[in-house]
């Protein structure tokens, strides 16, 4: 059965406890996730979003237990990626003529996904839909994080249904943030932002300003993944305001791959040198071949600088480093600095590849690359420590 979250709204989504990978293999979800769908009951009834396609029949059967499907007057689709719209074809088998409210881009995407001529109603920011004592207001939010995205605000219950905005991949028995560990929620919210929304920082900044400018009274923010922000929902808006502004903490992240431990030893000594030069800075080391890539990207997201190291392999770099560099490029991070380092046998070209990728990603180098031939000896390792000290000075 559904769970009541306000006078008019019932959660009718799906908690996915076993989810460990999302978007194919692009995003790790160590704590599972949820696909939040909301049933708004007033004189008229609206369903806001559905769930991921593998749960389509389960979703519809559970929805039948909650309400006679023929009594659903409107379907609101805030965003139409398959984890939100996947159950829609199954639902529309039962109520095929029900109007679907979405943006024009949303209609285009649903037509492209499902090839159905459903009853689409396009909406724009400021458009409203009366349900009786409550009213839905639509707010377009393109590229947060797809072109079709919109928010829906429920006047009366003062709930912002924000879809992928303000979400987290987090499975929880509780629906609300005030009954889940705050540290876990914020860590998952930042990871979600860093890996999904960071490329669209300018659009996030603009939309937050627009949202605040509307002067809406927001008692709850109900995203499509994770828990609902019931206690102090302003906090996650405040964090988005910080995250979209080239967010940097006093942290330096070192990411490396290694073949026979030479580059690993370089990374560790560089970290020692950084710590000696600036005891206040947080230094974190990650082996790209062993640590989770999305966790690494989250650390890079809130670091002021990143050093990337790898042995030269066939004049290039390893699979793990190449993939991570491509993902860093896609995040479009600003206001960070970098450096490259690595070991080599006969051609020190790997560091050139790393530096070029970082520069192209908008993360300029503050020092020339550091190269070590074969296995570094004690003098070479001391040079790595000095490189770390020099890196701090160059920042």
Protein backbone atom coordinates (compact mmCIF):
# COMPACT_ATOMS: atom_id res chain seq x y z
CA UNK A 1 0.00 0.00 0.00
CA UNK A 2 0.98 3.62 -0.40
CA UNK A 3 2.30 5.86 2.37
CA UNK A 4 0.61 9.14 3.24
CA UNK A 5 3.01 12.09 3.16
CA UNK A 6 0.52 14.97 3.45
CA UNK A 7 -3.20 15.63 3.57
CA UNK A 8 -3.61 15.04 -0.15
CA UNK A 9 -0.48 13.14 -1.22
CA UNK A 10 0.36 9.44 -1.03
CA UNK A 11 3.71 7.93 -1.98
CA UNK A 12 3.11 5.03 -4.40
CA UNK A 13 6.66 4.42 -5.59
CA UNK A 14 9.10 1.53 -5.38
CA UNK A 15 12.12 1.08 -3.09
CA UNK A 16 14.93 -0.79 -4.86
CA UNK A 17 17.11 -2.25 -2.13
CA UNK A 18 19.27 -4.39 -4.44
CA UNK A 19 20.27 -1.70 -6.95
CA UNK A 20 24.06 -1.34 -7.12
CA UNK A 21 24.53 0.13 -10.62
CA UNK A 22 22.50 2.76 -12.42
CA UNK A 23 22.48 4.20 -15.95
CA UNK A 24 23.90 0.89 -17.11
CA UNK A 25 27.24 0.80 -15.32
CA UNK A 26 27.76 4.57 -15.27
CA UNK A 27 26.74 5.26 -11.68
CA UNK A 28 27.29 3.23 -8.52
CA UNK A 29 24.46 3.07 -6.01
CA UNK A 30 25.95 1.47 -2.91
CA UNK A 31 22.83 2.13 -0.84
CA UNK A 32 20.19 1.23 -3.41
CA UNK A 33 17.61 3.76 -4.53
CA UNK A 34 13.91 4.44 -4.89
CA UNK A 35 11.62 5.45 -7.73
CA UNK A 36 9.21 7.89 -6.17
CA UNK A 37 5.72 8.27 -7.60
CA UNK A 38 3.09 10.40 -5.93
CA UNK A 39 -0.70 10.20 -5.97
CA UNK A 40 -2.45 13.52 -5.30
CA UNK A 41 -6.11 13.11 -4.29
CA UNK A 42 -8.47 16.06 -4.18
CA UNK A 43 -11.72 16.64 -6.08
CA UNK A 44 -9.58 15.59 -9.03
CA UNK A 45 -6.77 13.04 -8.88
CA UNK A 46 -3.28 13.37 -10.36
CA UNK A 47 -0.44 10.85 -10.52
CA UNK A 48 3.03 12.41 -10.56
CA UNK A 49 5.63 10.22 -12.33
CA UNK A 50 5.81 6.42 -12.41
CA UNK A 51 8.66 3.96 -11.73
CA UNK A 52 11.41 2.11 -13.58
CA UNK A 53 10.25 -0.27 -16.31
CA UNK A 54 11.30 -3.57 -14.61
CA UNK A 55 8.74 -2.79 -11.89
CA UNK A 56 5.93 -1.69 -14.23
CA UNK A 57 3.44 -4.50 -13.57
CA UNK A 58 4.14 -4.48 -9.84
CA UNK A 59 3.63 -0.71 -9.80
CA UNK A 60 0.29 -0.87 -11.60
CA UNK A 61 -1.02 -3.73 -9.44
CA UNK A 62 -0.10 -1.85 -6.26
CA UNK A 63 -1.66 1.32 -7.66
CA UNK A 64 -4.88 -0.65 -8.24
CA UNK A 65 -4.89 -1.51 -4.54
CA UNK A 66 -4.62 2.20 -3.75
CA UNK A 67 -7.19 3.59 -6.19
CA UNK A 68 -9.55 2.65 -8.99
CA UNK A 69 -7.34 3.51 -11.97
CA UNK A 70 -10.29 5.04 -13.82
CA UNK A 71 -10.44 7.71 -11.12
CA UNK A 72 -7.01 9.07 -12.09
CA UNK A 73 -7.84 12.28 -13.94
CA UNK A 74 -4.33 13.44 -14.87
CA UNK A 75 -0.81 12.04 -15.18
CA UNK A 76 2.07 14.45 -14.59
CA UNK A 77 5.42 13.44 -16.08
CA UNK A 78 8.17 15.68 -14.75
CA UNK A 79 10.91 13.83 -16.65
CA UNK A 80 10.80 10.90 -19.03
CA UNK A 81 13.96 8.90 -18.62
CA UNK A 82 12.97 5.26 -18.30
CA UNK A 83 13.46 5.14 -14.52
CA UNK A 84 10.59 7.66 -14.26
CA UNK A 85 8.37 6.84 -17.22
CA UNK A 86 9.07 3.12 -17.55
CA UNK A 87 5.76 1.98 -16.05
CA UNK A 88 3.71 4.40 -18.15
CA UNK A 89 2.99 2.00 -21.07
CA UNK A 90 1.65 -0.61 -18.66
CA UNK A 91 -0.49 1.98 -16.87
CA UNK A 92 -1.84 3.43 -20.13
CA UNK A 93 -3.13 0.01 -21.13
CA UNK A 94 -5.79 0.53 -18.47
CA UNK A 95 -6.43 4.28 -18.83
CA UNK A 96 -5.36 5.07 -22.42
CA UNK A 97 -7.16 8.40 -22.75
CA UNK A 98 -5.90 10.00 -19.53
CA UNK A 99 -4.16 13.30 -20.32
CA UNK A 100 -0.41 13.38 -19.70
CA UNK A 101 0.92 16.79 -18.64
CA UNK A 102 4.55 17.38 -19.63
CA UNK A 103 6.83 19.80 -21.42
CA UNK A 104 7.02 19.78 -25.21
CA UNK A 105 10.41 18.10 -24.95
CA UNK A 106 8.81 15.58 -22.61
CA UNK A 107 6.23 14.71 -25.24
CA UNK A 108 8.96 14.32 -27.87
CA UNK A 109 10.95 11.99 -25.64
CA UNK A 110 7.93 9.85 -24.73
CA UNK A 111 7.00 9.55 -28.39
CA UNK A 112 10.59 8.55 -29.12
CA UNK A 113 10.64 5.98 -26.32
CA UNK A 114 7.22 4.40 -26.59
CA UNK A 115 5.88 5.35 -30.05
CA UNK A 116 2.39 5.98 -28.70
CA UNK A 117 -0.05 8.76 -29.61
CA UNK A 118 -1.19 9.42 -26.05
CA UNK A 119 -3.19 12.48 -24.97
CA UNK A 120 -0.28 14.85 -24.34
CA UNK A 121 -0.86 18.29 -22.80
CA UNK A 122 2.18 20.58 -23.00
CA UNK A 123 2.80 22.98 -20.13
CA UNK A 124 5.12 25.91 -19.41
CA UNK A 125 6.41 27.64 -16.31
CA UNK A 126 3.52 29.26 -14.46
CA UNK A 127 0.80 27.08 -15.97
CA UNK A 128 -1.55 25.65 -13.37
CA UNK A 129 -3.98 22.77 -13.01
CA UNK A 130 -6.69 22.95 -10.33
CA UNK A 131 -7.48 19.75 -8.46
CA UNK A 132 -10.03 21.35 -6.14
CA UNK A 133 -8.71 22.71 -2.87
CA UNK A 134 -5.18 22.31 -4.22
CA UNK A 135 -3.54 23.46 -7.44
CA UNK A 136 -0.56 22.13 -9.38
CA UNK A 137 1.85 24.69 -10.80
CA UNK A 138 4.46 23.68 -13.37
CA UNK A 139 8.03 24.99 -13.47
CA UNK A 140 10.20 24.10 -16.47
CA UNK A 141 13.73 23.03 -15.49
CA UNK A 142 15.53 22.10 -18.72
CA UNK A 143 18.87 20.30 -18.33
CA UNK A 144 18.29 19.44 -14.69
CA UNK A 145 19.31 17.02 -16.05
CA UNK A 146 17.45 16.35 -19.33
CA UNK A 147 15.90 18.83 -21.79
CA UNK A 148 12.38 17.75 -20.79
CA UNK A 149 12.67 18.16 -17.01
CA UNK A 150 10.18 20.19 -15.02
CA UNK A 151 9.21 20.61 -11.36
CA UNK A 152 5.63 20.51 -10.13
CA UNK A 153 4.52 22.52 -7.09
CA UNK A 154 1.40 21.60 -5.13
CA UNK A 155 -0.23 24.77 -3.80
CA UNK A 156 -2.10 24.02 -0.60
CA UNK A 157 0.16 21.26 0.69
CA UNK A 158 3.23 23.33 -0.31
CA UNK A 159 5.18 20.42 -1.78
CA UNK A 160 7.74 20.78 -4.57
CA UNK A 161 7.93 17.61 -6.67
CA UNK A 162 11.44 18.12 -8.02
CA UNK A 163 12.10 14.90 -9.93
CA UNK A 164 15.89 14.47 -10.29
CA UNK A 165 16.60 17.80 -8.62
CA UNK A 166 17.50 17.45 -4.91
CA UNK A 167 17.49 13.64 -5.14
CA UNK A 168 19.77 10.92 -3.83
CA UNK A 169 20.22 7.28 -4.67
CA UNK A 170 19.27 5.92 -1.27
CA UNK A 171 16.93 3.10 -0.31
CA UNK A 172 15.28 3.69 3.04
CA UNK A 173 12.38 2.28 5.01
CA UNK A 174 11.64 5.84 6.03
CA UNK A 175 10.31 8.39 3.56
CA UNK A 176 11.62 11.49 5.30
CA UNK A 177 15.05 13.03 5.92
CA UNK A 178 14.41 13.66 9.62
CA UNK A 179 14.47 9.92 10.35
CA UNK A 180 17.56 9.01 8.30
CA UNK A 181 21.18 9.74 9.21
CA UNK A 182 21.91 13.26 7.93
CA UNK A 183 25.53 12.45 7.07
CA UNK A 184 24.44 9.58 4.82
CA UNK A 185 21.74 11.64 3.10
CA UNK A 186 24.03 14.59 2.40
CA UNK A 187 26.86 12.34 1.17
CA UNK A 188 24.49 10.61 -1.26
CA UNK A 189 22.96 13.93 -2.31
CA UNK A 190 26.41 15.33 -3.11
CA UNK A 191 27.43 12.19 -5.00
CA UNK A 192 24.20 12.45 -6.98
CA UNK A 193 24.85 16.11 -7.76
CA UNK A 194 28.52 15.62 -8.64
CA UNK A 195 27.90 12.75 -11.04
CA UNK A 196 24.61 13.84 -12.62
CA UNK A 197 24.00 17.57 -12.27
CA UNK A 198 27.48 19.14 -12.08
CA UNK A 199 27.80 19.39 -15.89
CA UNK A 200 24.80 21.71 -15.81
CA UNK A 201 25.94 24.07 -13.05
CA UNK A 202 24.95 27.25 -14.95
CA UNK A 203 21.42 25.93 -15.48
CA UNK A 204 21.17 24.84 -11.84
CA UNK A 205 22.25 28.29 -10.70
CA UNK A 206 19.68 29.96 -12.93
CA UNK A 207 16.86 27.63 -11.87
CA UNK A 208 17.59 28.01 -8.14
CA UNK A 209 17.43 31.79 -8.54
CA UNK A 210 14.17 31.48 -10.47
CA UNK A 211 12.71 29.08 -7.91
CA UNK A 212 13.56 31.39 -5.02
CA UNK A 213 12.22 34.34 -7.00
CA UNK A 214 8.79 32.70 -7.23
CA UNK A 215 8.42 33.14 -3.47
CA UNK A 216 6.88 29.70 -3.01
CA UNK A 217 6.23 28.43 0.48
CA UNK A 218 7.93 25.04 0.44
CA UNK A 219 7.17 22.70 3.33
CA UNK A 220 8.54 19.62 1.58
CA UNK A 221 10.73 18.78 -1.40
CA UNK A 222 9.75 15.42 -2.86
CA UNK A 223 12.33 14.16 -5.40
CA UNK A 224 12.02 11.10 -7.59
CA UNK A 225 14.91 9.26 -5.93
CA UNK A 226 15.70 8.92 -2.24
CA UNK A 227 14.08 10.47 0.79
CA UNK A 228 11.75 13.46 0.96
CA UNK A 229 13.12 16.69 2.45
CA UNK A 230 10.57 17.37 5.19
CA UNK A 231 12.75 18.75 7.97
CA UNK A 232 14.41 22.01 6.90
CA UNK A 233 14.04 21.57 3.11
CA UNK A 234 15.83 24.89 2.71
CA UNK A 235 19.10 23.12 3.56
CA UNK A 236 19.30 21.12 0.35
CA UNK A 237 18.47 24.24 -1.67
CA UNK A 238 21.31 26.00 0.17
CA UNK A 239 23.70 23.15 -0.68
CA UNK A 240 22.70 23.25 -4.37
CA UNK A 241 23.43 26.97 -4.31
CA UNK A 242 26.96 26.15 -3.10
CA UNK A 243 27.53 23.13 -5.33
CA UNK A 244 26.67 24.96 -8.55
CA UNK A 245 29.23 27.71 -7.85
CA UNK A 246 32.50 25.89 -8.66
CA UNK A 247 32.45 24.16 -5.28
CA UNK A 248 35.85 23.63 -3.66
CA UNK A 249 36.86 22.43 -0.19
CA UNK A 250 40.38 22.53 1.21
CA UNK A 251 41.15 19.13 -0.27
CA UNK A 252 43.59 17.74 -2.80
CA UNK A 253 42.74 14.42 -4.41
CA UNK A 254 45.37 12.13 -5.90
CA UNK A 255 44.17 9.51 -8.37
CA UNK A 256 46.52 6.93 -9.81
CA UNK A 257 46.83 3.58 -11.49
CA UNK A 258 49.88 1.40 -11.13
CA UNK A 259 51.39 -1.70 -12.74
CA UNK A 260 54.31 -2.75 -10.52
CA UNK A 261 53.77 -0.23 -7.68
CA UNK A 262 56.19 2.43 -8.95
CA UNK A 263 53.43 4.97 -9.61
CA UNK A 264 51.73 4.02 -6.34
CA UNK A 265 54.91 4.84 -4.42
CA UNK A 266 55.15 8.14 -6.28
CA UNK A 267 51.56 8.98 -5.33
CA UNK A 268 52.13 8.21 -1.67
CA UNK A 269 55.28 10.33 -1.50
CA UNK A 270 53.61 13.24 -3.30
CA UNK A 271 50.86 13.02 -0.68
CA UNK A 272 53.47 13.15 2.08
CA UNK A 273 55.00 16.27 0.56
CA UNK A 274 51.60 17.96 0.30
CA UNK A 275 50.90 17.17 3.95
CA UNK A 276 54.26 18.57 5.02
CA UNK A 277 53.73 21.79 3.10
CA UNK A 278 50.15 22.32 4.28
CA UNK A 279 49.08 20.30 7.35
CA UNK A 280 45.58 21.84 7.16
CA UNK A 281 44.75 20.43 3.73
CA UNK A 282 42.91 17.12 3.38
CA UNK A 283 44.73 14.73 1.04
CA UNK A 284 42.99 11.65 -0.35
CA UNK A 285 44.50 8.92 -2.52
CA UNK A 286 42.54 6.61 -4.81
CA UNK A 287 43.63 3.75 -7.03
CA UNK A 288 41.47 4.20 -10.13
CA UNK A 289 41.55 0.49 -10.90
CA UNK A 290 40.23 -0.51 -7.48
CA UNK A 291 38.18 2.34 -6.04
CA UNK A 292 34.67 3.15 -7.23
CA UNK A 293 34.82 5.66 -10.08
CA UNK A 294 31.78 7.66 -8.97
CA UNK A 295 33.12 7.97 -5.43
CA UNK A 296 36.39 9.25 -6.91
CA UNK A 297 34.52 11.77 -9.07
CA UNK A 298 32.66 13.03 -6.01
CA UNK A 299 35.98 13.64 -4.25
CA UNK A 300 37.33 15.44 -7.32
CA UNK A 301 34.14 17.51 -7.45
CA UNK A 302 34.73 19.06 -4.05
CA UNK A 303 38.54 19.25 -4.24
CA UNK A 304 40.44 22.41 -5.10
CA UNK A 305 43.03 20.39 -6.99
CA UNK A 306 43.64 16.94 -8.44
CA UNK A 307 46.80 15.06 -9.33
CA UNK A 308 46.50 12.14 -11.74
CA UNK A 309 49.23 9.52 -12.15
CA UNK A 310 49.77 6.47 -14.31
CA UNK A 311 52.60 4.46 -15.82
CA UNK A 312 53.04 4.95 -19.54
CA UNK A 313 51.36 2.07 -21.37
CA UNK A 314 51.86 1.85 -25.15
CA UNK A 315 52.61 5.60 -25.20
CA UNK A 316 49.31 6.26 -23.41
CA UNK A 317 47.63 5.51 -20.11
CA UNK A 318 45.72 2.66 -18.53
CA UNK A 319 42.08 1.83 -19.19
CA UNK A 320 41.09 2.92 -15.67
CA UNK A 321 42.75 6.34 -15.90
CA UNK A 322 41.57 6.96 -19.46
CA UNK A 323 37.97 6.24 -18.47
CA UNK A 324 38.16 8.44 -15.39
CA UNK A 325 39.69 11.32 -17.35
CA UNK A 326 36.84 11.11 -19.83
CA UNK A 327 34.30 11.23 -17.01
CA UNK A 328 36.06 14.21 -15.40
CA UNK A 329 35.90 15.97 -18.76
CA UNK A 330 32.17 15.37 -18.92
CA UNK A 331 31.57 17.02 -15.54
CA UNK A 332 32.82 20.40 -16.84
CA UNK A 333 34.35 21.34 -13.49
CA UNK A 334 35.69 24.85 -13.05
CA UNK A 335 38.05 26.59 -10.65
CA UNK A 336 40.33 23.60 -10.01
CA UNK A 337 44.05 23.01 -10.62
CA UNK A 338 45.95 19.89 -11.59
CA UNK A 339 49.21 18.09 -12.22
CA UNK A 340 50.26 14.80 -13.81
CA UNK A 341 52.83 12.23 -12.74
CA UNK A 342 53.89 8.71 -13.61
CA UNK A 343 56.58 6.12 -14.14
CA UNK A 344 57.85 4.90 -17.48
CA UNK A 345 60.27 2.47 -19.10
CA UNK A 346 61.43 3.94 -22.41
CA UNK A 347 59.00 6.78 -23.27
CA UNK A 348 57.56 9.26 -20.72
CA UNK A 349 54.45 10.02 -22.76
CA UNK A 350 51.67 8.95 -20.38
CA UNK A 351 51.89 12.13 -18.33
CA UNK A 352 51.55 14.22 -21.48
CA UNK A 353 48.30 12.41 -22.24
CA UNK A 354 47.03 13.03 -18.69
CA UNK A 355 47.92 16.71 -18.70
CA UNK A 356 46.34 17.24 -22.12
CA UNK A 357 43.09 15.63 -20.96
CA UNK A 358 42.95 17.68 -17.78
CA UNK A 359 43.75 20.91 -19.60
CA UNK A 360 41.05 20.13 -22.16
CA UNK A 361 38.63 19.51 -19.27
CA UNK A 362 39.27 23.03 -17.99
CA UNK A 363 41.52 21.99 -15.11
CA UNK A 364 44.89 23.64 -15.84
CA UNK A 365 48.23 22.28 -14.63
CA UNK A 366 50.24 24.35 -12.16
CA UNK A 367 53.46 22.31 -12.55
CA UNK A 368 55.10 20.40 -15.40
CA UNK A 369 54.48 16.63 -15.27
CA UNK A 370 56.66 14.53 -12.96
CA UNK A 371 58.20 11.46 -14.62
CA UNK A 372 60.23 8.68 -13.01
CA UNK A 373 62.18 6.10 -15.00
CA UNK A 374 61.61 2.48 -13.98
CA UNK A 375 61.49 1.94 -10.19
CA UNK A 376 62.09 5.11 -8.17
CA UNK A 377 64.95 4.96 -5.67
CA UNK A 378 65.13 6.91 -2.41
CA UNK A 379 66.36 10.06 -4.14
CA UNK A 380 63.55 9.83 -6.66
CA UNK A 381 60.98 9.35 -3.91
CA UNK A 382 62.31 12.44 -2.17
CA UNK A 383 61.82 14.27 -5.46
CA UNK A 384 58.18 13.16 -5.33
CA UNK A 385 57.83 14.62 -1.84
CA UNK A 386 59.33 17.86 -3.10
CA UNK A 387 56.89 17.80 -6.01
CA UNK A 388 54.07 17.65 -3.47
CA UNK A 389 55.52 20.63 -1.58
CA UNK A 390 55.95 22.54 -4.83
CA UNK A 391 52.40 21.74 -5.86
CA UNK A 392 51.05 23.34 -2.68
CA UNK A 393 53.15 26.45 -3.31
CA UNK A 394 52.00 26.63 -6.93
CA UNK A 395 48.36 26.62 -5.84
